[in-house]
Protein backbone atom coordinates (compact mmCIF):
# COMPACT_ATOMS: atom_id res chain seq x y z
CA MET A 1 -20.02 -28.00 -9.03
CA THR A 2 -18.77 -29.14 -5.38
CA SER A 3 -20.33 -27.28 -1.94
CA SER A 4 -17.74 -26.50 0.75
CA GLY A 5 -20.28 -25.19 3.32
CA HIS A 6 -22.23 -22.27 3.95
CA TYR A 7 -21.37 -19.32 5.91
CA ASP A 8 -22.44 -15.73 7.62
CA VAL A 9 -19.57 -14.26 5.96
CA VAL A 10 -17.09 -15.20 3.13
CA VAL A 11 -13.86 -13.19 3.10
CA VAL A 12 -12.03 -13.21 -0.56
CA GLY A 13 -8.02 -12.51 -0.02
CA ASN A 14 -5.74 -13.64 3.02
CA GLY A 15 -3.47 -10.71 2.89
CA VAL A 16 -3.44 -8.44 6.12
CA VAL A 17 -6.56 -6.43 5.80
CA GLY A 18 -8.65 -9.85 4.28
CA SER A 19 -6.97 -11.90 7.47
CA SER A 20 -7.77 -9.24 9.95
CA ILE A 21 -11.49 -8.90 9.07
CA ALA A 22 -12.38 -12.01 9.03
CA PHE A 23 -10.71 -12.68 12.33
CA GLU A 24 -12.72 -10.03 13.77
CA LEU A 25 -15.98 -11.13 12.39
CA SER A 26 -15.03 -14.85 13.97
CA ARG A 27 -13.93 -13.43 17.65
CA ARG A 28 -17.43 -11.62 17.49
CA GLY A 29 -19.51 -14.78 17.05
CA ALA A 30 -20.05 -15.14 13.05
CA ARG A 31 -19.40 -17.80 11.02
CA VAL A 32 -16.81 -17.28 8.74
CA ALA A 33 -14.86 -18.36 5.87
CA ARG A 34 -11.35 -16.85 4.52
CA ILE A 35 -10.76 -17.58 1.02
CA GLY A 36 -7.08 -17.60 -0.64
CA GLU A 37 -3.81 -19.29 -1.89
CA PRO A 38 -1.49 -20.40 0.75
CA ASN A 39 1.42 -18.57 -0.87
CA ARG A 40 -0.17 -15.63 -0.94
CA LYS A 41 1.59 -14.75 -4.09
CA TYR A 42 0.60 -11.66 -5.26
CA ALA A 43 -0.35 -10.09 -1.93
CA ALA A 44 1.12 -6.72 -0.73
CA SER A 45 1.56 -7.92 2.84
CA THR A 46 4.09 -10.74 2.30
CA ALA A 47 6.94 -8.38 0.77
CA SER A 48 6.12 -5.36 3.53
CA GLY A 49 8.15 -3.76 5.27
CA ALA A 50 5.46 -3.40 8.05
CA MET A 51 6.19 -0.01 9.21
CA LEU A 52 3.62 1.55 11.32
CA GLY A 53 4.54 5.13 9.74
CA CYS A 54 1.32 7.26 9.00
CA PHE A 55 4.07 10.33 9.66
CA GLY A 56 6.82 8.91 7.71
CA GLU A 57 4.23 8.44 4.95
CA VAL A 58 3.32 12.15 5.03
CA THR A 59 3.68 13.93 1.38
CA THR A 60 2.90 17.15 0.14
CA SER A 61 0.35 16.11 -2.05
CA LEU A 62 -1.23 14.21 0.76
CA LEU A 63 -1.90 17.35 3.07
CA ALA A 64 -3.12 19.28 0.17
CA THR A 65 -6.44 17.87 -0.16
CA ALA A 66 -9.25 16.82 2.10
CA HIS A 67 -9.59 13.17 1.14
CA GLY A 68 -5.76 13.19 1.83
CA ARG A 69 -6.22 14.68 5.17
CA ALA A 70 -8.99 12.21 5.90
CA LYS A 71 -6.75 9.48 5.30
CA LEU A 72 -3.68 10.67 7.54
CA ALA A 73 -6.64 10.79 10.08
CA VAL A 74 -7.24 7.12 9.64
CA ASP A 75 -3.69 6.51 9.84
CA TYR A 76 -3.25 8.32 13.09
CA GLU A 77 -6.20 6.44 14.82
CA ALA A 78 -5.15 3.28 13.61
CA ARG A 79 -1.62 3.68 14.76
CA GLY A 80 -3.05 3.81 18.22
CA MET A 81 -4.84 0.63 18.31
CA TRP A 82 -1.78 -1.30 17.55
CA ALA A 83 -0.93 -2.17 21.16
CA GLY A 84 -4.49 -3.46 21.92
CA TRP A 85 -4.72 -5.35 18.40
CA ALA A 86 -1.20 -7.05 18.96
CA ASP A 87 -2.44 -8.34 22.92
CA SER A 88 -5.70 -9.38 21.11
CA LEU A 89 -3.97 -11.80 18.50
CA ALA A 90 -1.60 -13.07 21.07
CA ASP A 91 -4.59 -14.40 23.13
CA ALA A 92 -6.52 -15.66 20.25
CA ALA A 93 -3.58 -17.25 18.24
CA ALA A 94 -1.77 -18.44 21.93
CA ASP A 95 1.45 -16.90 20.46
CA GLU A 96 3.17 -14.74 22.85
CA ARG A 97 6.07 -13.67 20.68
CA ALA A 98 6.38 -10.09 20.25
CA LEU A 99 5.23 -8.57 17.04
CA VAL A 100 7.09 -5.12 17.10
CA THR A 101 10.60 -5.04 15.53
CA SER A 102 12.02 -1.78 16.12
CA ARG A 103 12.45 1.32 18.27
CA GLY A 104 10.98 4.38 16.88
CA THR A 105 11.70 5.62 13.26
CA LEU A 106 14.13 8.16 11.78
CA VAL A 107 13.29 9.86 8.68
CA MET A 108 16.31 11.00 6.92
CA LEU A 109 16.78 14.04 4.49
CA ASN A 110 19.72 13.22 2.17
CA SER A 111 21.41 14.53 -0.37
CA THR A 112 20.37 12.04 -2.97
CA GLY A 113 16.72 13.18 -4.08
CA SER A 114 15.45 16.42 -5.16
CA LYS A 115 14.49 19.64 -3.01
CA ALA A 116 11.09 19.55 -4.62
CA VAL A 117 10.21 15.83 -3.37
CA ASP A 118 12.58 15.20 -0.74
CA THR A 119 12.76 18.46 1.10
CA GLY A 120 9.02 19.26 0.45
CA ASN A 121 7.70 15.76 1.92
CA PHE A 122 10.17 16.28 4.65
CA GLN A 123 8.74 19.45 5.59
CA ALA A 124 5.25 18.18 5.26
CA ILE A 125 6.22 15.19 7.58
CA GLU A 126 7.64 17.83 9.99
CA SER A 127 4.14 19.97 9.58
CA ALA A 128 1.87 16.77 10.31
CA LEU A 129 4.19 16.20 13.34
CA ARG A 130 3.29 19.59 14.71
CA SER A 131 -0.24 19.54 13.86
CA TYR A 132 -0.67 16.46 15.62
CA GLU A 133 1.07 17.35 18.36
CA GLU A 134 2.97 14.26 18.01
CA PRO A 135 6.51 13.58 19.74
CA TYR A 136 9.49 13.93 17.79
CA GLU A 137 13.04 14.98 17.68
CA ARG A 138 15.04 17.05 15.07
CA VAL A 139 18.39 14.78 15.02
CA ASP A 140 21.73 14.62 13.08
CA PRO A 141 21.70 11.18 11.56
CA GLN A 142 25.15 11.16 11.12
CA ASP A 143 24.63 10.29 14.78
CA ASP A 144 23.13 7.02 14.23
CA ALA A 145 25.62 4.33 15.53
CA TRP A 146 24.34 1.88 12.32
CA LEU A 147 23.80 4.22 9.31
CA ALA A 148 27.29 4.63 7.11
CA PRO A 149 26.10 6.10 3.55
CA ASN A 150 28.47 6.83 0.82
CA ASP A 151 29.96 10.49 1.24
CA LEU A 152 28.06 11.64 -1.83
CA HIS A 153 24.54 10.06 -0.29
CA ARG A 154 25.21 11.10 3.33
CA SER A 155 22.13 12.23 5.45
CA LEU A 156 21.67 16.17 6.35
CA MET A 157 19.15 16.16 8.82
CA GLY A 158 16.51 13.79 10.51
CA LEU A 159 13.34 13.59 12.35
CA TYR A 160 13.29 10.99 15.24
CA ILE A 161 9.61 9.90 15.77
CA PRO A 162 9.66 7.27 18.61
CA ALA A 163 5.98 6.09 18.23
CA GLU A 164 6.56 5.08 14.53
CA ARG A 165 7.63 1.46 15.08
CA SER A 166 7.35 -1.90 12.74
CA VAL A 167 5.91 -4.92 13.00
CA ASP A 168 7.32 -8.61 11.78
CA SER A 169 4.74 -9.16 8.55
CA ALA A 170 5.25 -12.82 8.32
CA LEU A 171 4.70 -13.64 12.11
CA LEU A 172 1.61 -11.08 11.80
CA LEU A 173 0.38 -13.18 8.93
CA ALA A 174 0.99 -16.42 10.83
CA LYS A 175 -0.84 -15.03 14.16
CA LEU A 176 -3.78 -13.88 12.22
CA ASP A 177 -3.83 -17.76 10.62
CA ALA A 178 -3.73 -19.01 13.89
CA ALA A 179 -6.38 -16.74 15.60
CA LEU A 180 -8.82 -17.26 12.87
CA ARG A 181 -8.71 -21.20 13.43
CA HIS A 182 -8.65 -20.50 17.36
CA THR A 183 -12.21 -18.45 16.92
CA ALA A 184 -13.88 -21.20 15.18
CA GLY A 185 -13.26 -19.51 11.65
CA THR A 186 -12.61 -21.46 8.77
CA ILE A 187 -9.25 -21.07 6.01
CA VAL A 188 -10.26 -22.09 2.52
CA ASP A 189 -7.09 -22.61 0.71
CA GLY A 190 -7.69 -21.84 -2.97
CA ARG A 191 -8.16 -18.93 -5.40
CA ALA A 192 -11.63 -17.36 -6.00
CA ARG A 193 -12.66 -17.39 -9.65
CA THR A 194 -15.95 -15.52 -9.54
CA LEU A 195 -18.92 -14.90 -7.25
CA VAL A 196 -22.22 -16.63 -7.94
CA THR A 197 -25.02 -14.56 -7.90
CA GLN A 198 -28.93 -14.70 -7.74
CA GLY A 199 -30.32 -11.36 -9.10
CA ASP A 200 -28.70 -8.34 -7.13
CA ARG A 201 -27.34 -11.28 -4.18
CA VAL A 202 -24.41 -13.24 -3.94
CA THR A 203 -24.91 -16.67 -2.88
CA GLY A 204 -21.40 -17.78 -2.73
CA VAL A 205 -17.67 -17.71 -4.29
CA ALA A 206 -16.80 -20.36 -6.76
CA LEU A 207 -13.09 -21.39 -6.73
CA GLU A 208 -10.97 -22.06 -9.69
CA ASP A 209 -11.26 -25.93 -8.75
CA GLY A 210 -15.12 -25.75 -9.23
CA THR A 211 -15.71 -25.73 -5.55
CA VAL A 212 -18.55 -23.44 -4.10
CA VAL A 213 -18.45 -21.55 -0.44
CA GLY A 214 -21.90 -20.69 0.14
CA ALA A 215 -22.10 -17.07 1.89
CA ASP A 216 -24.91 -14.82 3.16
CA THR A 217 -22.13 -11.99 2.81
CA VAL A 218 -19.24 -11.82 0.71
CA ILE A 219 -16.24 -9.22 1.45
CA VAL A 220 -13.63 -8.80 -1.32
CA ALA A 221 -10.29 -8.02 0.13
CA ALA A 222 -8.34 -9.54 -2.58
CA GLY A 223 -5.70 -6.41 -3.17
CA ALA A 224 -4.95 -5.28 -6.46
CA THR A 225 -7.01 -8.45 -7.96
CA SER A 226 -10.35 -7.51 -5.82
CA LEU A 227 -12.09 -5.90 -9.20
CA ASP A 228 -11.59 -9.09 -11.36
CA LEU A 229 -14.16 -10.57 -8.97
CA LEU A 230 -16.98 -8.32 -10.16
CA GLY A 231 -17.67 -9.46 -13.60
CA ALA A 232 -21.32 -10.42 -12.56
CA PHE A 233 -21.69 -6.84 -11.70
CA GLU A 234 -20.41 -5.50 -14.93
CA ASP A 235 -22.78 -2.12 -14.73
CA ILE A 236 -21.97 -1.38 -11.14
CA ALA A 237 -18.37 -2.13 -11.59
CA ARG A 238 -17.87 0.55 -14.04
CA ARG A 239 -18.59 3.17 -11.65
CA VAL A 240 -15.93 1.86 -9.48
CA PRO A 241 -12.65 3.21 -9.53
CA PRO A 242 -10.39 0.87 -11.58
CA MET A 243 -7.30 -0.37 -9.89
CA VAL A 244 -3.83 -0.92 -10.74
CA SER A 245 -0.98 -2.62 -8.90
CA GLY A 246 1.76 -0.89 -7.19
CA TYR A 247 4.77 -3.67 -7.96
CA GLY A 248 7.25 -3.41 -5.32
CA VAL A 249 10.17 -5.78 -4.62
CA SER A 250 12.17 -5.99 -1.21
CA VAL A 251 14.76 -8.11 0.06
CA ILE A 252 15.73 -9.76 3.57
CA VAL A 253 19.40 -9.49 4.21
CA GLU A 254 21.74 -10.76 6.63
CA THR A 255 24.47 -8.22 7.37
CA GLY A 256 28.34 -9.24 7.34
CA ASP A 257 28.82 -8.01 10.75
CA GLY A 258 25.38 -9.13 12.13
CA ARG A 259 24.45 -5.60 13.12
CA VAL A 260 21.34 -3.76 12.24
CA PRO A 261 19.76 -0.57 13.10
CA ASP A 262 17.51 -0.23 16.44
CA SER A 263 15.22 1.96 14.74
CA VAL A 264 13.37 2.17 11.01
CA LEU A 265 15.25 4.13 9.03
CA ARG A 266 13.51 5.66 5.89
CA THR A 267 13.92 8.62 3.47
CA PRO A 268 10.52 10.51 2.66
CA ASN A 269 8.54 9.23 0.01
CA ARG A 270 9.75 9.88 -3.47
CA SER A 271 9.83 9.04 -7.03
CA PHE A 272 6.02 7.77 -6.62
CA ALA A 273 7.24 5.26 -3.91
CA CYS A 274 7.44 4.82 -0.36
CA GLY A 275 11.06 6.02 0.21
CA LEU A 276 14.32 4.00 0.66
CA HIS A 277 13.50 2.35 3.96
CA CYS A 278 15.45 -0.69 6.23
CA VAL A 279 13.59 -2.29 9.02
CA PRO A 280 15.31 -4.61 11.81
CA ARG A 281 13.53 -8.03 12.29
CA ALA A 282 13.63 -9.81 15.82
CA ASP A 283 15.61 -12.52 14.38
CA GLY A 284 18.47 -9.97 13.72
CA SER A 285 18.12 -10.06 9.79
CA LEU A 286 17.43 -6.61 8.23
CA TYR A 287 14.53 -5.82 5.47
CA VAL A 288 15.46 -3.57 2.65
CA GLY A 289 12.36 -1.87 0.50
CA ALA A 290 12.01 0.98 -1.79
CA THR A 291 10.15 0.44 -4.82
CA ASN A 292 6.63 0.94 -6.26
CA ILE A 293 6.48 0.57 -10.13
CA ILE A 294 2.92 0.79 -11.83
CA SER A 295 1.62 -2.32 -13.71
CA HIS A 296 -1.44 -2.89 -15.05
CA ASP A 297 -1.65 -6.60 -13.95
CA PRO A 298 -0.06 -7.72 -10.65
CA ARG A 299 3.49 -9.13 -10.94
CA GLN A 300 4.80 -12.64 -9.48
CA TYR A 301 8.68 -12.35 -9.89
CA ALA A 302 11.03 -9.19 -9.67
CA LEU A 303 12.86 -7.53 -12.47
CA LEU A 304 16.34 -8.05 -12.41
CA SER A 305 16.41 -4.34 -12.88
CA ASP A 306 14.13 -3.20 -9.89
CA LEU A 307 16.28 -5.29 -7.70
CA LYS A 308 19.73 -4.02 -9.01
CA PHE A 309 18.19 -0.19 -8.19
CA LEU A 310 17.09 -1.16 -4.91
CA LEU A 311 20.24 -3.03 -3.98
CA GLU A 312 22.23 0.23 -4.96
CA CYS A 313 20.34 2.53 -3.47
CA ALA A 314 20.80 0.72 0.11
CA MET A 315 24.33 0.67 -0.19
CA ASP A 316 24.95 4.37 -1.46
CA GLN A 317 22.01 5.74 0.92
CA LEU A 318 22.15 3.44 4.32
CA HIS A 319 25.31 1.44 4.55
CA THR A 320 28.11 1.12 2.36
CA GLY A 321 29.03 -2.16 4.03
CA LEU A 322 25.56 -4.13 2.66
CA ASP A 323 27.62 -5.36 -0.29
CA ASP A 324 28.83 -7.99 2.22
CA ALA A 325 25.56 -8.59 3.05
CA SER A 326 24.03 -12.38 2.39
CA LEU A 327 20.74 -12.14 0.45
CA GLN A 328 18.47 -14.50 2.72
CA LYS A 329 15.08 -13.72 0.54
CA LEU A 330 13.63 -12.02 -2.24
CA GLN A 331 10.25 -10.66 -1.97
CA VAL A 332 7.63 -9.52 -4.35
CA GLY A 333 4.36 -7.71 -3.28
CA ASN A 334 1.73 -6.13 -5.33
CA ARG A 335 -0.06 -2.76 -3.73
CA PRO A 336 -3.55 -2.31 -5.00
CA ILE A 337 -3.79 1.68 -6.58
CA PRO A 338 -7.54 2.80 -7.32
CA ALA A 339 -7.42 5.36 -10.11
CA ASP A 340 -7.93 8.09 -7.67
CA GLY A 341 -5.45 7.01 -4.94
CA PHE A 342 -7.94 6.39 -2.25
CA PRO A 343 -9.17 3.23 -0.59
CA LEU A 344 -12.72 1.44 -1.58
CA PHE A 345 -13.97 0.44 1.95
CA GLY A 346 -17.94 -0.25 2.16
CA ARG A 347 -20.76 -1.93 0.46
CA LEU A 348 -20.69 -2.20 -3.12
CA ASP A 349 -23.65 -0.17 -3.94
CA GLY A 350 -26.40 -1.77 -6.07
CA THR A 351 -25.65 -5.13 -4.77
CA ALA A 352 -27.59 -6.57 -1.65
CA ASN A 353 -24.40 -8.31 0.08
CA VAL A 354 -21.06 -7.32 -1.50
CA TRP A 355 -18.67 -5.14 0.28
CA LEU A 356 -14.98 -4.41 -0.57
CA ALA A 357 -11.89 -3.72 1.48
CA THR A 358 -9.08 -2.70 -0.61
CA GLY A 359 -7.09 0.25 -2.57
CA THR A 360 -5.33 0.59 0.43
CA TYR A 361 -2.23 1.43 -1.68
CA ARG A 362 0.85 1.77 1.24
CA ASP A 363 -1.73 2.12 4.12
CA GLY A 364 -3.11 -1.52 4.63
CA LEU A 365 -1.23 -3.30 6.91
CA HIS A 366 -0.84 0.14 9.08
CA GLN A 367 -4.66 0.49 8.92
CA SER A 368 -6.08 -2.87 9.33
CA PRO A 369 -6.84 -3.15 13.09
CA LEU A 370 -9.25 0.03 12.24
CA LEU A 371 -10.36 -1.48 8.94
CA ALA A 372 -11.36 -4.83 10.55
CA GLN A 373 -13.20 -3.29 13.58
CA GLN A 374 -14.82 -1.00 11.28
CA MET A 375 -16.10 -3.31 8.74
CA ALA A 376 -17.33 -5.74 11.54
CA ASP A 377 -19.12 -2.65 12.99
CA MET A 378 -20.87 -1.66 9.35
CA LEU A 379 -21.81 -5.24 8.74
CA GLY A 380 -23.84 -5.11 12.15
CA GLY A 381 -25.66 -2.15 11.01
CA GLY A 382 -23.23 0.84 12.51
CA GLU A 383 -22.07 3.97 11.11
CA ALA A 384 -18.79 4.50 8.62
CA HIS A 385 -15.92 5.93 10.42
CA PRO A 386 -16.31 9.60 9.25
CA ALA A 387 -13.03 9.78 7.47
CA LEU A 388 -13.99 6.49 5.67
CA ARG A 389 -17.35 7.65 4.13
CA ASP A 390 -16.00 9.28 0.84
CA PHE A 391 -14.09 6.41 0.13
CA VAL A 392 -17.43 3.92 -0.68
CA PRO A 393 -16.51 1.63 -3.80
CA VAL A 394 -19.14 3.16 -6.51
CA ARG A 395 -18.25 6.88 -6.51
CA PRO A 396 -16.86 9.45 -8.68
CA PRO A 397 -13.04 10.17 -8.76
CA LEU A 398 -11.55 11.77 -5.99
CA PRO A 399 -9.28 14.74 -6.47
CA THR A 400 -5.55 14.23 -5.65
CA GLY A 401 -5.32 18.08 -6.50
CA THR A 402 -5.70 20.28 -9.77
CA ARG A 403 -4.72 19.08 -13.20
CA ASP A 404 -1.59 21.66 -12.90
CA GLU A 405 -0.59 20.31 -9.33
CA ILE A 406 -0.60 16.68 -10.26
CA ILE A 407 1.51 17.56 -13.73
CA GLU A 408 4.07 19.53 -11.59
CA THR A 409 4.12 16.16 -9.02
CA ALA A 410 4.85 13.69 -12.10
CA VAL A 411 7.40 16.03 -13.48
CA ASP A 412 9.33 16.54 -9.66
CA HIS A 413 9.03 12.91 -9.20
CA MET A 414 10.27 12.07 -12.58
CA LEU A 415 13.16 14.16 -12.39
CA GLY A 416 13.60 12.95 -8.64
CA THR A 417 14.27 9.38 -10.33
CA GLY A 418 17.45 10.72 -12.29
CA TRP A 419 18.70 12.20 -9.56
CA GLU A 420 18.67 8.86 -7.35
CA SER A 421 19.46 6.96 -10.24
CA LYS A 422 22.95 9.05 -10.07
CA TRP A 423 22.39 10.77 -13.58
CA THR A 424 24.99 13.17 -14.48
CA VAL A 425 23.30 16.53 -16.76
CA SER A 426 24.43 19.74 -16.99
CA GLY A 427 22.68 22.72 -15.13
CA GLU A 428 20.32 23.45 -18.14
CA TRP A 429 19.02 20.06 -18.78
CA PRO A 430 16.60 19.86 -15.84
CA LYS A 431 15.04 22.80 -16.80
CA ILE A 432 14.48 21.38 -20.55
CA LEU A 433 13.40 18.49 -19.43
CA SER A 434 10.72 19.73 -17.32
CA SER A 435 9.12 21.38 -19.70
CA ASN A 436 9.37 18.74 -22.29
CA LEU A 437 7.80 15.97 -19.30
CA ARG A 438 5.22 18.85 -18.57
CA ALA A 439 4.06 19.19 -21.86
CA THR A 440 4.07 15.29 -22.46
CA TYR A 441 1.74 14.90 -18.95
CA ARG A 442 -0.57 17.75 -20.20
CA SER A 443 -1.12 15.92 -23.34
CA ILE A 444 -1.65 12.44 -21.73
CA ALA A 445 -4.12 13.98 -19.53
CA GLU A 446 -5.91 15.61 -21.72
CA SER A 447 -6.52 12.63 -23.98
CA VAL A 448 -7.70 10.61 -21.39
CA HIS A 449 -10.56 13.28 -19.94
CA PRO A 450 -11.09 17.02 -20.24
CA THR A 451 -11.38 17.72 -16.68
CA PHE A 452 -10.65 14.19 -14.53
CA THR A 453 -7.02 13.89 -13.82
CA PRO A 454 -5.26 10.71 -12.70
CA PRO A 455 -2.59 10.51 -9.76
CA SER A 456 0.82 11.77 -10.95
CA GLU A 457 2.17 8.07 -11.06
CA LEU A 458 -0.51 6.97 -13.15
CA LEU A 459 0.20 9.62 -15.84
CA VAL A 460 3.70 8.65 -15.63
CA GLU A 461 3.03 4.99 -16.68
CA MET A 462 1.12 5.96 -19.44
CA ASP A 463 3.55 7.96 -20.86
CA ASP A 464 5.24 4.53 -22.47
CA VAL A 465 2.02 4.23 -24.56
CA LEU A 466 1.13 6.72 -27.51
CA ASP A 467 -1.90 8.90 -27.23
CA GLU A 468 -3.58 7.20 -29.85
CA ASP A 469 -2.98 3.78 -28.64
CA LEU A 470 -6.60 2.42 -27.80
CA HIS A 471 -4.88 -0.92 -26.65
CA ASP A 472 -3.60 0.59 -23.60
CA PRO A 473 -5.51 -1.18 -20.91
CA LEU A 474 -4.70 1.45 -18.30
CA ARG A 475 -6.16 4.38 -20.63
CA GLN A 476 -8.87 2.24 -21.32
CA ALA A 477 -9.79 1.61 -17.76
CA LEU A 478 -9.52 5.20 -16.99
CA THR A 479 -11.43 6.66 -19.80
CA SER A 480 -14.20 4.04 -19.48
CA TYR A 481 -14.29 4.79 -15.46
CA TYR A 482 -14.40 9.18 -15.95
CA LYS A 483 -17.41 8.55 -18.75
CA GLU A 484 -19.21 6.99 -16.35
CA TRP A 485 -19.13 10.13 -14.19
CA GLU A 486 -19.84 12.71 -16.42
């Protein structure tokens, strides 16, 4: 093995979370190296719409639990940090290009989804806005100058939230790279293979080419692949919520007439995803996204079926004229989703100097300024943010609801995917399907553990595998993790 120097802190992962932490530590005077492949092929950041939407992401399930409400509190505080964070990046990177690409967010309730999911989440968003005394306005989406959906998918009502904006994720990553270099940080191009250990202490990170990057402290922020690096701490890692990938597809298009909306346009979260959304970019292009498909392993390439679904939704629900748009770029990202849906943030208990910053699901980019400052503070001996204290990596499963509530959420979202896919069923079938889905999901939950219940999207993912199939990696991972905490 060859050595590539020794650093105070080595950050594994070059998505927005890892890059933000590396920059924050470097500008505080630490000797920092950041490890990651230049193409960031499995990252969520590169395919993200980069919506700074803490309220636009609110769901009924989020507001139903204390931990969900804590996550919202973190989102809200992080959103208020973006103006100062953007200024810091501009100064450190010597790049004054504006990160913000939109003016507010319009959340649309349209005729496509279901009452249980779309209307419920729309109402939850408005409830959260009122609770936080956040400025917003009830509007008629039909007054939007750009929006032009198919009449069968027209928007019925909307919430305009002026402070919910978006940033250019590609420019953000470029600025983070430049800022790290300009603050004397080191960028190591390569893929981390394993942690090099000596007892309970990590002494470095080994790359796939055999190079070892020495470290006093290691922060693992490698998104959906983060837990793959904990093989040296197998006994400890068994008590960390396992993670899956929320694989998503997005596109960048040039519209046929060159027009784009002024604001972010989105539906509430639905179908286990972040809702259909489009985001204007500073160069006049348009970002379109919607999908979130659970995958045990991260995906590098898009399935054509998922691309087809995304484009049809965009042309039906956003603008019929998008069939005349030109495809500039097809993007794939992998959101890191822990088994209970909540972040893994803090020191890996049982180790001397390994920290995790992952499992942020759809919130990593949005929360990145706060997470970076929190991690730097904690490494300096500071206390964890009160809303983050329960999200330590080694923990029992955090409940996302009762078993009955989680099962009902799974049923509602599965039926919602049918409506969004334009199925045609007679009136009695949704009730029949609900009954069968409810029984199926309850059987799956009971086969995994008598009391612990994974989030609804994981239940649905396991529906494709027979209960007795012991080779299902997701089922195996959940069963093993739950046994550790019995």
